[in-house]
Amino acid sequence: MAASLETETEYMSLALREARTALEHGDVPVGALVVKDGVVIASRHNERELTGDPTAHAEVLALRDAAAAVGGWRLDGCTLVVTLEPCVMCAGAALAARVDRIVYGAADLSAGAVFSLYNVCDDPRLNHRLEVTAGVQAGECAELLTGFFADKR
């Protein structure tokens, strides 16, 4: 069952706070959290620059922490909330974890795999599909990323 827009906005605000933490170590400011039964069970941000790990996207790290929190890889009943539309790797990880739903903020026109470039989460050829809610606090999520990349140039 989908959360109310007010609740989704509250969760996205937490994800944005997490995304800002990535700035402390020069990572792209993306934040993600996993929610189960109305409780945040994992919250992470990008750590690729910090760790040198190409898979250290906020979503993957949050999914790993959530699996540890529930004691298994199946994240049925969970929602992944992320400030930027997930890439192919992250959308695939959410599918593999059997997440019920993804809520994201800003669209990613260059790498988005939930809607912008691909529609991985609703591909009928796959054995799992998940609900998607796009555009929650999209402006604020996009501004954070735009500011980061403007500073890099």
C-alpha atoms as a PDB file:
ATOM      1  CA  MET A   1       0.000   0.000   0.000  1.00  0.00           C
ATOM      2  CA  ALA A   2       1.367   3.393  -0.989  1.00  0.00           C
ATOM      3  CA  ALA A   3       2.252   5.930   1.675  1.00  0.00           C
ATOM      4  CA  SER A   4       0.578   9.335   1.630  1.00  0.00           C
ATOM      5  CA  LEU A   5       2.280  12.184  -0.207  1.00  0.00           C
ATOM      6  CA  GLU A   6       2.972  13.816   3.172  1.00  0.00           C
ATOM      7  CA  THR A   7       4.737  10.677   4.396  1.00  0.00           C
ATOM      8  CA  GLU A   8       6.673  10.310   1.133  1.00  0.00           C
ATOM      9  CA  THR A   9       7.802  13.920   1.473  1.00  0.00           C
ATOM     10  CA  GLU A  10       8.983  13.269   5.027  1.00  0.00           C
ATOM     11  CA  TYR A  11      10.960  10.231   3.884  1.00  0.00           C
ATOM     12  CA  MET A  12      12.455  12.170   0.977  1.00  0.00           C
ATOM     13  CA  SER A  13      13.521  14.918   3.388  1.00  0.00           C
ATOM     14  CA  LEU A  14      15.448  12.274   5.340  1.00  0.00           C
ATOM     15  CA  ALA A  15      16.996  10.973   2.110  1.00  0.00           C
ATOM     16  CA  LEU A  16      18.029  14.527   1.183  1.00  0.00           C
ATOM     17  CA  ARG A  17      19.682  14.960   4.574  1.00  0.00           C
ATOM     18  CA  GLU A  18      21.585  11.721   3.943  1.00  0.00           C
ATOM     19  CA  ALA A  19      22.551  12.907   0.438  1.00  0.00           C
ATOM     20  CA  ARG A  20      24.132  16.059   1.847  1.00  0.00           C
ATOM     21  CA  THR A  21      26.437  13.870   3.938  1.00  0.00           C
ATOM     22  CA  ALA A  22      28.054  12.609   0.717  1.00  0.00           C
ATOM     23  CA  LEU A  23      29.330  16.132   0.081  1.00  0.00           C
ATOM     24  CA  GLU A  24      31.652  15.814   3.078  1.00  0.00           C
ATOM     25  CA  HIS A  25      33.825  13.359   1.146  1.00  0.00           C
ATOM     26  CA  GLY A  26      33.332  14.573  -2.414  1.00  0.00           C
ATOM     27  CA  ASP A  27      30.747  12.026  -3.500  1.00  0.00           C
ATOM     28  CA  VAL A  28      27.773  12.807  -5.714  1.00  0.00           C
ATOM     29  CA  PRO A  29      25.029  13.789  -3.238  1.00  0.00           C
ATOM     30  CA  VAL A  30      22.558  10.938  -3.509  1.00  0.00           C
ATOM     31  CA  GLY A  31      20.804   9.594  -0.447  1.00  0.00           C
ATOM     32  CA  ALA A  32      18.667   6.491  -0.028  1.00  0.00           C
ATOM     33  CA  LEU A  33      16.697   4.844   2.707  1.00  0.00           C
ATOM     34  CA  VAL A  34      14.697   1.667   3.109  1.00  0.00           C
ATOM     35  CA  VAL A  35      11.384   1.800   4.925  1.00  0.00           C
ATOM     36  CA  LYS A  36       9.490  -1.190   6.314  1.00  0.00           C
ATOM     37  CA  ASP A  37       6.174  -0.881   8.128  1.00  0.00           C
ATOM     38  CA  GLY A  38       6.640   2.875   8.439  1.00  0.00           C
ATOM     39  CA  VAL A  39      10.088   2.561  10.039  1.00  0.00           C
ATOM     40  CA  VAL A  40      13.375   3.558   8.388  1.00  0.00           C
ATOM     41  CA  ILE A  41      15.543   0.434   8.674  1.00  0.00           C
ATOM     42  CA  ALA A  42      18.489   1.695   6.597  1.00  0.00           C
ATOM     43  CA  SER A  43      19.814   5.053   5.436  1.00  0.00           C
ATOM     44  CA  ARG A  44      22.918   5.620   3.301  1.00  0.00           C
ATOM     45  CA  HIS A  45      24.557   7.975   0.819  1.00  0.00           C
ATOM     46  CA  ASN A  46      26.946   7.529  -2.101  1.00  0.00           C
ATOM     47  CA  GLU A  47      30.430   6.419  -1.064  1.00  0.00           C
ATOM     48  CA  ARG A  48      32.169   5.672  -4.364  1.00  0.00           C
ATOM     49  CA  GLU A  49      34.831   8.354  -3.888  1.00  0.00           C
ATOM     50  CA  LEU A  50      35.196   7.603  -0.187  1.00  0.00           C
ATOM     51  CA  THR A  51      35.695   3.856  -0.627  1.00  0.00           C
ATOM     52  CA  GLY A  52      36.908   3.531  -4.210  1.00  0.00           C
ATOM     53  CA  ASP A  53      34.102   1.013  -4.747  1.00  0.00           C
ATOM     54  CA  PRO A  54      32.188   1.474  -8.014  1.00  0.00           C
ATOM     55  CA  THR A  55      29.155  -0.288  -6.518  1.00  0.00           C
ATOM     56  CA  ALA A  56      28.950   1.988  -3.459  1.00  0.00           C
ATOM     57  CA  HIS A  57      25.820   3.746  -4.645  1.00  0.00           C
ATOM     58  CA  ALA A  58      23.454   4.919  -1.897  1.00  0.00           C
ATOM     59  CA  GLU A  59      20.772   2.433  -2.969  1.00  0.00           C
ATOM     60  CA  VAL A  60      23.017  -0.617  -2.913  1.00  0.00           C
ATOM     61  CA  LEU A  61      24.464   0.319   0.473  1.00  0.00           C
ATOM     62  CA  ALA A  62      21.001   0.937   1.932  1.00  0.00           C
ATOM     63  CA  LEU A  63      19.709  -2.378   0.555  1.00  0.00           C
ATOM     64  CA  ARG A  64      22.674  -4.208   2.115  1.00  0.00           C
ATOM     65  CA  ASP A  65      22.020  -2.579   5.491  1.00  0.00           C
ATOM     66  CA  ALA A  66      18.295  -3.315   5.243  1.00  0.00           C
ATOM     67  CA  ALA A  67      18.978  -6.993   4.506  1.00  0.00           C
ATOM     68  CA  ALA A  68      21.206  -7.130   7.586  1.00  0.00           C
ATOM     69  CA  ALA A  69      18.471  -5.442   9.645  1.00  0.00           C
ATOM     70  CA  VAL A  70      15.779  -7.941   8.624  1.00  0.00           C
ATOM     71  CA  GLY A  71      18.113 -10.924   8.673  1.00  0.00           C
ATOM     72  CA  GLY A  72      17.806 -11.951   5.039  1.00  0.00           C
ATOM     73  CA  TRP A  73      17.998 -10.824   1.443  1.00  0.00           C
ATOM     74  CA  ARG A  74      14.256 -10.672   0.791  1.00  0.00           C
ATOM     75  CA  LEU A  75      13.005  -7.171   1.430  1.00  0.00           C
ATOM     76  CA  ASP A  76       9.312  -7.867   0.870  1.00  0.00           C
ATOM     77  CA  GLY A  77       7.145  -5.086   2.219  1.00  0.00           C
ATOM     78  CA  CYS A  78       9.949  -2.532   1.899  1.00  0.00           C
ATOM     79  CA  THR A  79      10.130   0.763   0.044  1.00  0.00           C
ATOM     80  CA  LEU A  80      13.376   2.187  -1.308  1.00  0.00           C
ATOM     81  CA  VAL A  81      13.366   5.999  -1.166  1.00  0.00           C
ATOM     82  CA  VAL A  82      16.118   7.704  -3.155  1.00  0.00           C
ATOM     83  CA  THR A  83      16.861  11.276  -4.168  1.00  0.00           C
ATOM     84  CA  LEU A  84      17.829  10.370  -7.760  1.00  0.00           C
ATOM     85  CA  GLU A  85      16.235   7.913 -10.151  1.00  0.00           C
ATOM     86  CA  PRO A  86      18.155   4.625  -9.781  1.00  0.00           C
ATOM     87  CA  CYS A  87      20.591   3.441 -12.438  1.00  0.00           C
ATOM     88  CA  VAL A  88      20.477  -0.049 -13.988  1.00  0.00           C
ATOM     89  CA  MET A  89      22.600  -1.543 -11.187  1.00  0.00           C
ATOM     90  CA  CYS A  90      20.490  -0.049  -8.409  1.00  0.00           C
ATOM     91  CA  ALA A  91      17.137  -0.797 -10.024  1.00  0.00           C
ATOM     92  CA  GLY A  92      18.369  -4.348 -10.561  1.00  0.00           C
ATOM     93  CA  ALA A  93      19.443  -4.606  -6.927  1.00  0.00           C
ATOM     94  CA  ALA A  94      15.997  -3.450  -5.788  1.00  0.00           C
ATOM     95  CA  LEU A  95      14.386  -6.072  -8.011  1.00  0.00           C
ATOM     96  CA  ALA A  96      16.745  -8.787  -6.763  1.00  0.00           C
ATOM     97  CA  ALA A  97      15.940  -7.824  -3.159  1.00  0.00           C
ATOM     98  CA  ARG A  98      12.205  -8.098  -3.907  1.00  0.00           C
ATOM     99  CA  VAL A  99      11.542  -4.531  -2.758  1.00  0.00           C
ATOM    100  CA  ASP A 100       7.859  -3.674  -3.205  1.00  0.00           C
ATOM    101  CA  ARG A 101       8.297  -0.062  -4.189  1.00  0.00           C
ATOM    102  CA  ILE A 102      10.712   2.681  -5.223  1.00  0.00           C
ATOM    103  CA  VAL A 103      10.078   6.360  -4.507  1.00  0.00           C
ATOM    104  CA  TYR A 104      12.516   8.759  -6.151  1.00  0.00           C
ATOM    105  CA  GLY A 105      13.005  12.486  -6.449  1.00  0.00           C
ATOM    106  CA  ALA A 106      14.907  13.782  -9.481  1.00  0.00           C
ATOM    107  CA  ALA A 107      14.814  12.028 -12.829  1.00  0.00           C
ATOM    108  CA  ASP A 108      18.184  10.930 -14.223  1.00  0.00           C
ATOM    109  CA  LEU A 109      18.019  11.570 -17.941  1.00  0.00           C
ATOM    110  CA  SER A 110      21.524  10.199 -18.519  1.00  0.00           C
ATOM    111  CA  ALA A 111      21.387   6.949 -16.523  1.00  0.00           C
ATOM    112  CA  GLY A 112      17.891   6.447 -15.082  1.00  0.00           C
ATOM    113  CA  ALA A 113      16.676   2.872 -15.326  1.00  0.00           C
ATOM    114  CA  VAL A 114      13.268   3.238 -13.707  1.00  0.00           C
ATOM    115  CA  PHE A 115      11.710   5.490 -16.334  1.00  0.00           C
ATOM    116  CA  SER A 116      14.089   7.896 -18.106  1.00  0.00           C
ATOM    117  CA  LEU A 117      16.204   5.505 -20.197  1.00  0.00           C
ATOM    118  CA  TYR A 118      14.851   2.108 -19.232  1.00  0.00           C
ATOM    119  CA  ASN A 119      11.817   0.762 -17.424  1.00  0.00           C
ATOM    120  CA  VAL A 120      13.512  -2.076 -15.554  1.00  0.00           C
ATOM    121  CA  CYS A 121      11.040  -2.093 -12.652  1.00  0.00           C
ATOM    122  CA  ASP A 122       8.068  -2.886 -14.878  1.00  0.00           C
ATOM    123  CA  ASP A 123       9.643  -5.154 -17.474  1.00  0.00           C
ATOM    124  CA  PRO A 124       7.248  -8.072 -18.043  1.00  0.00           C
ATOM    125  CA  ARG A 125      10.170 -10.334 -18.972  1.00  0.00           C
ATOM    126  CA  LEU A 126      11.480 -10.243 -15.391  1.00  0.00           C
ATOM    127  CA  ASN A 127      10.175 -12.368 -12.525  1.00  0.00           C
ATOM    128  CA  HIS A 128       9.485  -9.414 -10.202  1.00  0.00           C
ATOM    129  CA  ARG A 129       7.991  -5.997 -10.737  1.00  0.00           C
ATOM    130  CA  LEU A 130       7.663  -3.134  -8.347  1.00  0.00           C
ATOM    131  CA  GLU A 131       5.597  -0.017  -7.932  1.00  0.00           C
ATOM    132  CA  VAL A 132       7.270   3.322  -8.650  1.00  0.00           C
ATOM    133  CA  THR A 133       6.471   6.824  -7.459  1.00  0.00           C
ATOM    134  CA  ALA A 134       8.513   9.505  -9.223  1.00  0.00           C
ATOM    135  CA  GLY A 135       9.105  13.182  -8.635  1.00  0.00           C
ATOM    136  CA  VAL A 136       8.785  13.476  -4.847  1.00  0.00           C
ATOM    137  CA  GLN A 137      10.574  16.743  -3.983  1.00  0.00           C
ATOM    138  CA  ALA A 138      12.126  16.553  -7.443  1.00  0.00           C
ATOM    139  CA  GLY A 139      13.114  20.223  -7.478  1.00  0.00           C
ATOM    140  CA  GLU A 140      15.057  20.085  -4.237  1.00  0.00           C
ATOM    141  CA  CYS A 141      16.723  16.806  -5.221  1.00  0.00           C
ATOM    142  CA  ALA A 142      17.720  18.203  -8.622  1.00  0.00           C
ATOM    143  CA  GLU A 143      19.033  21.467  -7.112  1.00  0.00           C
ATOM    144  CA  LEU A 144      21.363  19.570  -4.788  1.00  0.00           C
ATOM    145  CA  LEU A 145      22.844  17.656  -7.726  1.00  0.00           C
ATOM    146  CA  THR A 146      23.015  20.683 -10.027  1.00  0.00           C
ATOM    147  CA  GLY A 147      24.878  22.651  -7.359  1.00  0.00           C
ATOM    148  CA  PHE A 148      27.343  19.819  -6.824  1.00  0.00           C
ATOM    149  CA  PHE A 149      28.190  19.500 -10.504  1.00  0.00           C
ATOM    150  CA  ALA A 150      28.356  23.293 -10.992  1.00  0.00           C
ATOM    151  CA  ASP A 151      30.988  23.444  -8.229  1.00  0.00           C
ATOM    152  CA  LYS A 152      32.986  20.686  -9.952  1.00  0.00           C
ATOM    153  CA  ARG A 153      33.229  22.643 -13.222  1.00  0.00           C
END
